[in-house]
Amino acid sequence: MQSNSEFKIAFKKRLYQWVLRLVKFVDSLRKEDTHGVIGKQLLRSGTSILANYIEAQSASSRKDFINFLNHSLKSANESKVWLMLLKDTNKGDQKEVQWLLEELIEMANMIGKSLLTLKQR
């Protein structure tokens, strides 16, 4: 069983790898029309998940920690919207969209569960 610090390290690595793959995916999208607009929005929200998660790790208070995790979860929810739009409009590599979406849902659920646990304490 993983300790809390081992989990945080593993989760941060998993999230970082997801963002790397997201960047490569967004770079593969056409830059014109809706591809470009959705790609930019997805890149902003997707990278924000990681940035806010990392900020949470160095938060100065419990309230600050929860706030950064909340922002991370909100960015994950926004990213889901952009990925679903790409999926439902059949834009981009659909296998990659599906993988990004499934992995994001799992990670968002983990962040959400962490928030629920923190708020119950």
N, C-alpha and C. Protein backbone atom coordinates (compact mmCIF):
# COMPACT_ATOMS: atom_id res chain seq x y z
N MET A 1 0.84 -1.18 0.00
CA MET A 1 0.00 0.00 0.00
C MET A 1 0.89 1.25 0.00
N GLN A 2 0.51 2.23 -0.83
CA GLN A 2 1.28 3.46 -0.95
C GLN A 2 1.03 4.39 0.22
N SER A 3 2.09 5.06 0.66
CA SER A 3 1.91 6.11 1.66
C SER A 3 1.35 7.34 0.96
N ASN A 4 0.92 8.29 1.74
CA ASN A 4 0.36 9.52 1.19
C ASN A 4 1.38 10.26 0.33
N SER A 5 2.62 10.34 0.78
CA SER A 5 3.64 11.05 0.00
C SER A 5 3.99 10.27 -1.27
N GLU A 6 4.00 8.95 -1.21
CA GLU A 6 4.26 8.15 -2.42
C GLU A 6 3.13 8.33 -3.42
N PHE A 7 1.90 8.39 -2.93
CA PHE A 7 0.76 8.62 -3.81
C PHE A 7 0.88 9.97 -4.50
N LYS A 8 1.21 11.01 -3.74
CA LYS A 8 1.33 12.36 -4.31
C LYS A 8 2.39 12.41 -5.40
N ILE A 9 3.52 11.76 -5.17
CA ILE A 9 4.59 11.73 -6.17
C ILE A 9 4.13 10.98 -7.42
N ALA A 10 3.53 9.82 -7.23
CA ALA A 10 3.05 9.02 -8.37
C ALA A 10 1.96 9.75 -9.13
N PHE A 11 1.05 10.40 -8.41
CA PHE A 11 -0.04 11.11 -9.07
C PHE A 11 0.49 12.31 -9.85
N LYS A 12 1.44 13.02 -9.27
CA LYS A 12 2.03 14.18 -9.96
C LYS A 12 2.72 13.72 -11.25
N LYS A 13 3.42 12.59 -11.21
CA LYS A 13 4.07 12.05 -12.41
C LYS A 13 3.02 11.65 -13.45
N ARG A 14 1.96 11.02 -13.01
CA ARG A 14 0.89 10.60 -13.92
C ARG A 14 0.25 11.81 -14.58
N LEU A 15 -0.01 12.82 -13.79
CA LEU A 15 -0.61 14.05 -14.31
C LEU A 15 0.34 14.74 -15.28
N TYR A 16 1.62 14.78 -14.95
CA TYR A 16 2.62 15.39 -15.83
C TYR A 16 2.68 14.66 -17.17
N GLN A 17 2.67 13.32 -17.13
CA GLN A 17 2.70 12.54 -18.37
C GLN A 17 1.44 12.79 -19.22
N TRP A 18 0.32 12.95 -18.54
CA TRP A 18 -0.93 13.25 -19.25
C TRP A 18 -0.82 14.60 -19.95
N VAL A 19 -0.28 15.59 -19.27
CA VAL A 19 -0.13 16.92 -19.86
C VAL A 19 0.84 16.88 -21.04
N LEU A 20 1.93 16.14 -20.93
CA LEU A 20 2.85 16.00 -22.06
C LEU A 20 2.14 15.43 -23.28
N ARG A 21 1.34 14.41 -23.05
CA ARG A 21 0.60 13.79 -24.15
C ARG A 21 -0.46 14.74 -24.71
N LEU A 22 -1.07 15.53 -23.83
CA LEU A 22 -2.05 16.52 -24.25
C LEU A 22 -1.39 17.57 -25.14
N VAL A 23 -0.21 18.04 -24.77
CA VAL A 23 0.50 19.05 -25.56
C VAL A 23 0.78 18.50 -26.96
N LYS A 24 1.25 17.27 -27.03
CA LYS A 24 1.52 16.65 -28.33
C LYS A 24 0.24 16.53 -29.16
N PHE A 25 -0.84 16.16 -28.49
CA PHE A 25 -2.13 16.04 -29.19
C PHE A 25 -2.58 17.40 -29.73
N VAL A 26 -2.54 18.43 -28.90
CA VAL A 26 -2.97 19.76 -29.33
C VAL A 26 -2.10 20.24 -30.49
N ASP A 27 -0.81 19.97 -30.42
CA ASP A 27 0.09 20.34 -31.52
C ASP A 27 -0.29 19.65 -32.83
N SER A 28 -0.91 18.49 -32.75
CA SER A 28 -1.29 17.75 -33.96
C SER A 28 -2.58 18.26 -34.60
N LEU A 29 -3.34 19.08 -33.86
CA LEU A 29 -4.60 19.60 -34.40
C LEU A 29 -4.33 20.67 -35.45
N ARG A 30 -5.22 20.76 -36.42
CA ARG A 30 -5.13 21.86 -37.38
C ARG A 30 -5.30 23.17 -36.63
N LYS A 31 -4.65 24.19 -37.08
CA LYS A 31 -4.68 25.47 -36.36
C LYS A 31 -5.85 26.37 -36.79
N GLU A 32 -6.48 26.05 -37.88
CA GLU A 32 -7.59 26.89 -38.36
C GLU A 32 -8.93 26.35 -37.86
N ASP A 33 -9.94 27.14 -38.05
CA ASP A 33 -11.31 26.78 -37.69
C ASP A 33 -11.45 26.45 -36.20
N THR A 34 -12.36 25.57 -35.91
CA THR A 34 -12.64 25.22 -34.52
C THR A 34 -11.52 24.41 -33.88
N HIS A 35 -10.76 23.68 -34.69
CA HIS A 35 -9.63 22.92 -34.13
C HIS A 35 -8.74 23.81 -33.28
N GLY A 36 -8.35 24.94 -33.87
CA GLY A 36 -7.41 25.84 -33.20
C GLY A 36 -7.98 26.46 -31.95
N VAL A 37 -9.24 26.89 -32.01
CA VAL A 37 -9.88 27.52 -30.86
C VAL A 37 -10.02 26.52 -29.71
N ILE A 38 -10.55 25.36 -30.00
CA ILE A 38 -10.73 24.34 -28.96
C ILE A 38 -9.37 23.88 -28.44
N GLY A 39 -8.42 23.72 -29.34
CA GLY A 39 -7.08 23.29 -28.93
C GLY A 39 -6.44 24.26 -27.94
N LYS A 40 -6.57 25.56 -28.20
CA LYS A 40 -6.00 26.56 -27.28
C LYS A 40 -6.69 26.50 -25.93
N GLN A 41 -8.00 26.40 -25.92
CA GLN A 41 -8.74 26.32 -24.67
C GLN A 41 -8.38 25.05 -23.89
N LEU A 42 -8.26 23.94 -24.61
CA LEU A 42 -7.90 22.67 -23.99
C LEU A 42 -6.50 22.74 -23.41
N LEU A 43 -5.58 23.35 -24.13
CA LEU A 43 -4.21 23.47 -23.63
C LEU A 43 -4.17 24.31 -22.35
N ARG A 44 -4.92 25.40 -22.32
CA ARG A 44 -4.95 26.25 -21.13
C ARG A 44 -5.53 25.49 -19.93
N SER A 45 -6.68 24.88 -20.13
CA SER A 45 -7.32 24.21 -19.00
C SER A 45 -6.55 22.96 -18.58
N GLY A 46 -6.01 22.22 -19.55
CA GLY A 46 -5.29 20.99 -19.24
C GLY A 46 -4.00 21.25 -18.48
N THR A 47 -3.25 22.26 -18.88
CA THR A 47 -2.02 22.56 -18.16
C THR A 47 -2.32 23.17 -16.79
N SER A 48 -3.46 23.82 -16.66
CA SER A 48 -3.86 24.40 -15.38
C SER A 48 -4.13 23.32 -14.33
N ILE A 49 -4.57 22.16 -14.75
CA ILE A 49 -4.79 21.06 -13.81
C ILE A 49 -3.49 20.75 -13.08
N LEU A 50 -2.43 20.57 -13.85
CA LEU A 50 -1.12 20.25 -13.29
C LEU A 50 -0.57 21.40 -12.47
N ALA A 51 -0.65 22.61 -13.00
CA ALA A 51 -0.09 23.77 -12.30
C ALA A 51 -0.75 23.97 -10.94
N ASN A 52 -2.06 23.86 -10.89
CA ASN A 52 -2.76 24.04 -9.62
C ASN A 52 -2.50 22.89 -8.66
N TYR A 53 -2.35 21.69 -9.16
CA TYR A 53 -2.04 20.55 -8.30
C TYR A 53 -0.66 20.75 -7.66
N ILE A 54 0.30 21.19 -8.45
CA ILE A 54 1.65 21.42 -7.92
C ILE A 54 1.63 22.58 -6.91
N GLU A 55 0.88 23.63 -7.22
CA GLU A 55 0.75 24.74 -6.27
C GLU A 55 0.15 24.26 -4.95
N ALA A 56 -0.80 23.37 -5.02
CA ALA A 56 -1.42 22.84 -3.80
C ALA A 56 -0.39 22.17 -2.91
N GLN A 57 0.58 21.50 -3.51
CA GLN A 57 1.59 20.78 -2.73
C GLN A 57 2.45 21.72 -1.89
N SER A 58 2.54 22.98 -2.30
CA SER A 58 3.34 23.93 -1.52
C SER A 58 2.47 25.03 -0.90
N ALA A 59 1.21 24.71 -0.70
CA ALA A 59 0.28 25.69 -0.13
C ALA A 59 0.70 26.07 1.29
N SER A 60 0.38 27.30 1.66
CA SER A 60 0.79 27.80 2.97
C SER A 60 -0.22 27.47 4.07
N SER A 61 -1.39 27.00 3.69
CA SER A 61 -2.40 26.65 4.69
C SER A 61 -3.32 25.56 4.13
N ARG A 62 -4.08 24.97 5.02
CA ARG A 62 -5.06 23.96 4.60
C ARG A 62 -6.09 24.56 3.64
N LYS A 63 -6.54 25.76 3.96
CA LYS A 63 -7.52 26.46 3.11
C LYS A 63 -6.93 26.71 1.71
N ASP A 64 -5.68 27.13 1.67
CA ASP A 64 -4.98 27.36 0.42
C ASP A 64 -4.85 26.05 -0.38
N PHE A 65 -4.50 24.97 0.32
CA PHE A 65 -4.36 23.66 -0.30
C PHE A 65 -5.67 23.24 -0.96
N ILE A 66 -6.77 23.36 -0.22
CA ILE A 66 -8.09 22.99 -0.74
C ILE A 66 -8.45 23.88 -1.93
N ASN A 67 -8.14 25.16 -1.83
CA ASN A 67 -8.44 26.10 -2.91
C ASN A 67 -7.72 25.71 -4.20
N PHE A 68 -6.43 25.38 -4.11
CA PHE A 68 -5.68 24.98 -5.31
C PHE A 68 -6.22 23.66 -5.88
N LEU A 69 -6.57 22.72 -5.02
CA LEU A 69 -7.16 21.46 -5.51
C LEU A 69 -8.49 21.72 -6.20
N ASN A 70 -9.29 22.63 -5.64
CA ASN A 70 -10.55 23.00 -6.28
C ASN A 70 -10.32 23.56 -7.67
N HIS A 71 -9.34 24.43 -7.81
CA HIS A 71 -9.02 24.99 -9.13
C HIS A 71 -8.56 23.90 -10.09
N SER A 72 -7.79 22.97 -9.58
CA SER A 72 -7.33 21.85 -10.40
C SER A 72 -8.52 21.04 -10.91
N LEU A 73 -9.46 20.75 -10.02
CA LEU A 73 -10.65 19.99 -10.40
C LEU A 73 -11.51 20.76 -11.41
N LYS A 74 -11.66 22.06 -11.20
CA LYS A 74 -12.44 22.88 -12.15
C LYS A 74 -11.79 22.87 -13.53
N SER A 75 -10.47 22.95 -13.57
CA SER A 75 -9.76 22.90 -14.85
C SER A 75 -9.93 21.53 -15.50
N ALA A 76 -9.95 20.48 -14.70
CA ALA A 76 -10.18 19.13 -15.23
C ALA A 76 -11.58 19.04 -15.85
N ASN A 77 -12.56 19.61 -15.16
CA ASN A 77 -13.93 19.58 -15.68
C ASN A 77 -14.03 20.37 -16.98
N GLU A 78 -13.36 21.50 -17.06
CA GLU A 78 -13.36 22.27 -18.30
C GLU A 78 -12.69 21.49 -19.42
N SER A 79 -11.57 20.84 -19.10
CA SER A 79 -10.86 20.04 -20.11
C SER A 79 -11.73 18.91 -20.64
N LYS A 80 -12.53 18.33 -19.76
CA LYS A 80 -13.46 17.27 -20.21
C LYS A 80 -14.42 17.80 -21.26
N VAL A 81 -14.90 19.02 -21.06
CA VAL A 81 -15.83 19.62 -22.02
C VAL A 81 -15.16 19.75 -23.39
N TRP A 82 -13.94 20.28 -23.42
CA TRP A 82 -13.24 20.46 -24.70
C TRP A 82 -12.96 19.12 -25.37
N LEU A 83 -12.55 18.13 -24.58
CA LEU A 83 -12.30 16.80 -25.16
C LEU A 83 -13.58 16.17 -25.69
N MET A 84 -14.67 16.34 -24.97
CA MET A 84 -15.96 15.80 -25.44
C MET A 84 -16.38 16.48 -26.74
N LEU A 85 -16.16 17.79 -26.84
CA LEU A 85 -16.49 18.49 -28.09
C LEU A 85 -15.65 17.96 -29.25
N LEU A 86 -14.37 17.71 -29.02
CA LEU A 86 -13.53 17.14 -30.07
C LEU A 86 -14.00 15.74 -30.43
N LYS A 87 -14.39 14.98 -29.43
CA LYS A 87 -14.88 13.62 -29.67
C LYS A 87 -16.18 13.65 -30.47
N ASP A 88 -17.13 14.46 -30.02
CA ASP A 88 -18.46 14.47 -30.64
C ASP A 88 -18.49 15.14 -32.02
N THR A 89 -17.47 15.96 -32.32
CA THR A 89 -17.38 16.56 -33.65
C THR A 89 -16.38 15.82 -34.53
N ASN A 90 -15.84 14.73 -34.00
CA ASN A 90 -14.90 13.88 -34.73
C ASN A 90 -13.68 14.65 -35.22
N LYS A 91 -13.14 15.48 -34.35
CA LYS A 91 -11.95 16.26 -34.70
C LYS A 91 -10.74 15.68 -33.97
N GLY A 92 -9.62 15.60 -34.67
CA GLY A 92 -8.40 15.05 -34.09
C GLY A 92 -8.41 13.54 -34.10
N ASP A 93 -7.31 12.96 -33.66
CA ASP A 93 -7.16 11.50 -33.57
C ASP A 93 -8.11 11.00 -32.48
N GLN A 94 -9.15 10.30 -32.88
CA GLN A 94 -10.19 9.88 -31.95
C GLN A 94 -9.72 8.88 -30.90
N LYS A 95 -8.75 8.05 -31.23
CA LYS A 95 -8.20 7.13 -30.22
C LYS A 95 -7.48 7.91 -29.14
N GLU A 96 -6.76 8.95 -29.55
CA GLU A 96 -6.04 9.77 -28.58
C GLU A 96 -7.02 10.60 -27.74
N VAL A 97 -8.05 11.12 -28.37
CA VAL A 97 -9.08 11.85 -27.62
C VAL A 97 -9.69 10.94 -26.56
N GLN A 98 -10.00 9.72 -26.93
CA GLN A 98 -10.61 8.77 -26.01
C GLN A 98 -9.68 8.46 -24.84
N TRP A 99 -8.40 8.22 -25.14
CA TRP A 99 -7.43 7.94 -24.08
C TRP A 99 -7.30 9.14 -23.14
N LEU A 100 -7.14 10.33 -23.70
CA LEU A 100 -7.01 11.54 -22.88
C LEU A 100 -8.23 11.74 -22.00
N LEU A 101 -9.39 11.50 -22.55
CA LEU A 101 -10.63 11.67 -21.80
C LEU A 101 -10.75 10.65 -20.67
N GLU A 102 -10.49 9.39 -20.96
CA GLU A 102 -10.59 8.35 -19.93
C GLU A 102 -9.59 8.58 -18.80
N GLU A 103 -8.36 8.92 -19.16
CA GLU A 103 -7.34 9.18 -18.15
C GLU A 103 -7.71 10.41 -17.32
N LEU A 104 -8.23 11.43 -17.98
CA LEU A 104 -8.63 12.65 -17.28
C LEU A 104 -9.76 12.38 -16.30
N ILE A 105 -10.73 11.59 -16.70
CA ILE A 105 -11.85 11.26 -15.81
C ILE A 105 -11.34 10.55 -14.56
N GLU A 106 -10.44 9.60 -14.73
CA GLU A 106 -9.87 8.89 -13.57
C GLU A 106 -9.15 9.85 -12.63
N MET A 107 -8.33 10.73 -13.22
CA MET A 107 -7.56 11.66 -12.38
C MET A 107 -8.46 12.68 -11.71
N ALA A 108 -9.47 13.17 -12.42
CA ALA A 108 -10.42 14.13 -11.83
C ALA A 108 -11.17 13.48 -10.67
N ASN A 109 -11.53 12.22 -10.83
CA ASN A 109 -12.20 11.50 -9.74
C ASN A 109 -11.30 11.39 -8.51
N MET A 110 -10.01 11.20 -8.73
CA MET A 110 -9.07 11.11 -7.62
C MET A 110 -8.93 12.46 -6.91
N ILE A 111 -8.87 13.53 -7.69
CA ILE A 111 -8.79 14.86 -7.08
C ILE A 111 -10.07 15.15 -6.31
N GLY A 112 -11.21 14.82 -6.91
CA GLY A 112 -12.50 15.03 -6.26
C GLY A 112 -12.62 14.26 -4.95
N LYS A 113 -12.15 13.02 -4.97
CA LYS A 113 -12.20 12.21 -3.75
C LYS A 113 -11.29 12.80 -2.66
N SER A 114 -10.13 13.28 -3.07
CA SER A 114 -9.24 13.94 -2.11
C SER A 114 -9.91 15.15 -1.49
N LEU A 115 -10.59 15.93 -2.31
CA LEU A 115 -11.29 17.11 -1.80
C LEU A 115 -12.40 16.73 -0.82
N LEU A 116 -13.16 15.71 -1.16
CA LEU A 116 -14.22 15.26 -0.25
C LEU A 116 -13.64 14.80 1.08
N THR A 117 -12.55 14.06 1.04
CA THR A 117 -11.91 13.60 2.27
C THR A 117 -11.43 14.78 3.10
N LEU A 118 -10.80 15.74 2.45
CA LEU A 118 -10.30 16.93 3.16
C LEU A 118 -11.44 17.72 3.80
N LYS A 119 -12.53 17.86 3.10
CA LYS A 119 -13.65 18.66 3.60
C LYS A 119 -14.40 17.96 4.72
N GLN A 120 -14.28 16.64 4.80
CA GLN A 120 -14.96 15.89 5.87
C GLN A 120 -14.18 15.92 7.17
N ARG A 121 -12.91 16.28 7.10
CA ARG A 121 -12.06 16.32 8.32
C ARG A 121 -12.32 17.56 9.11
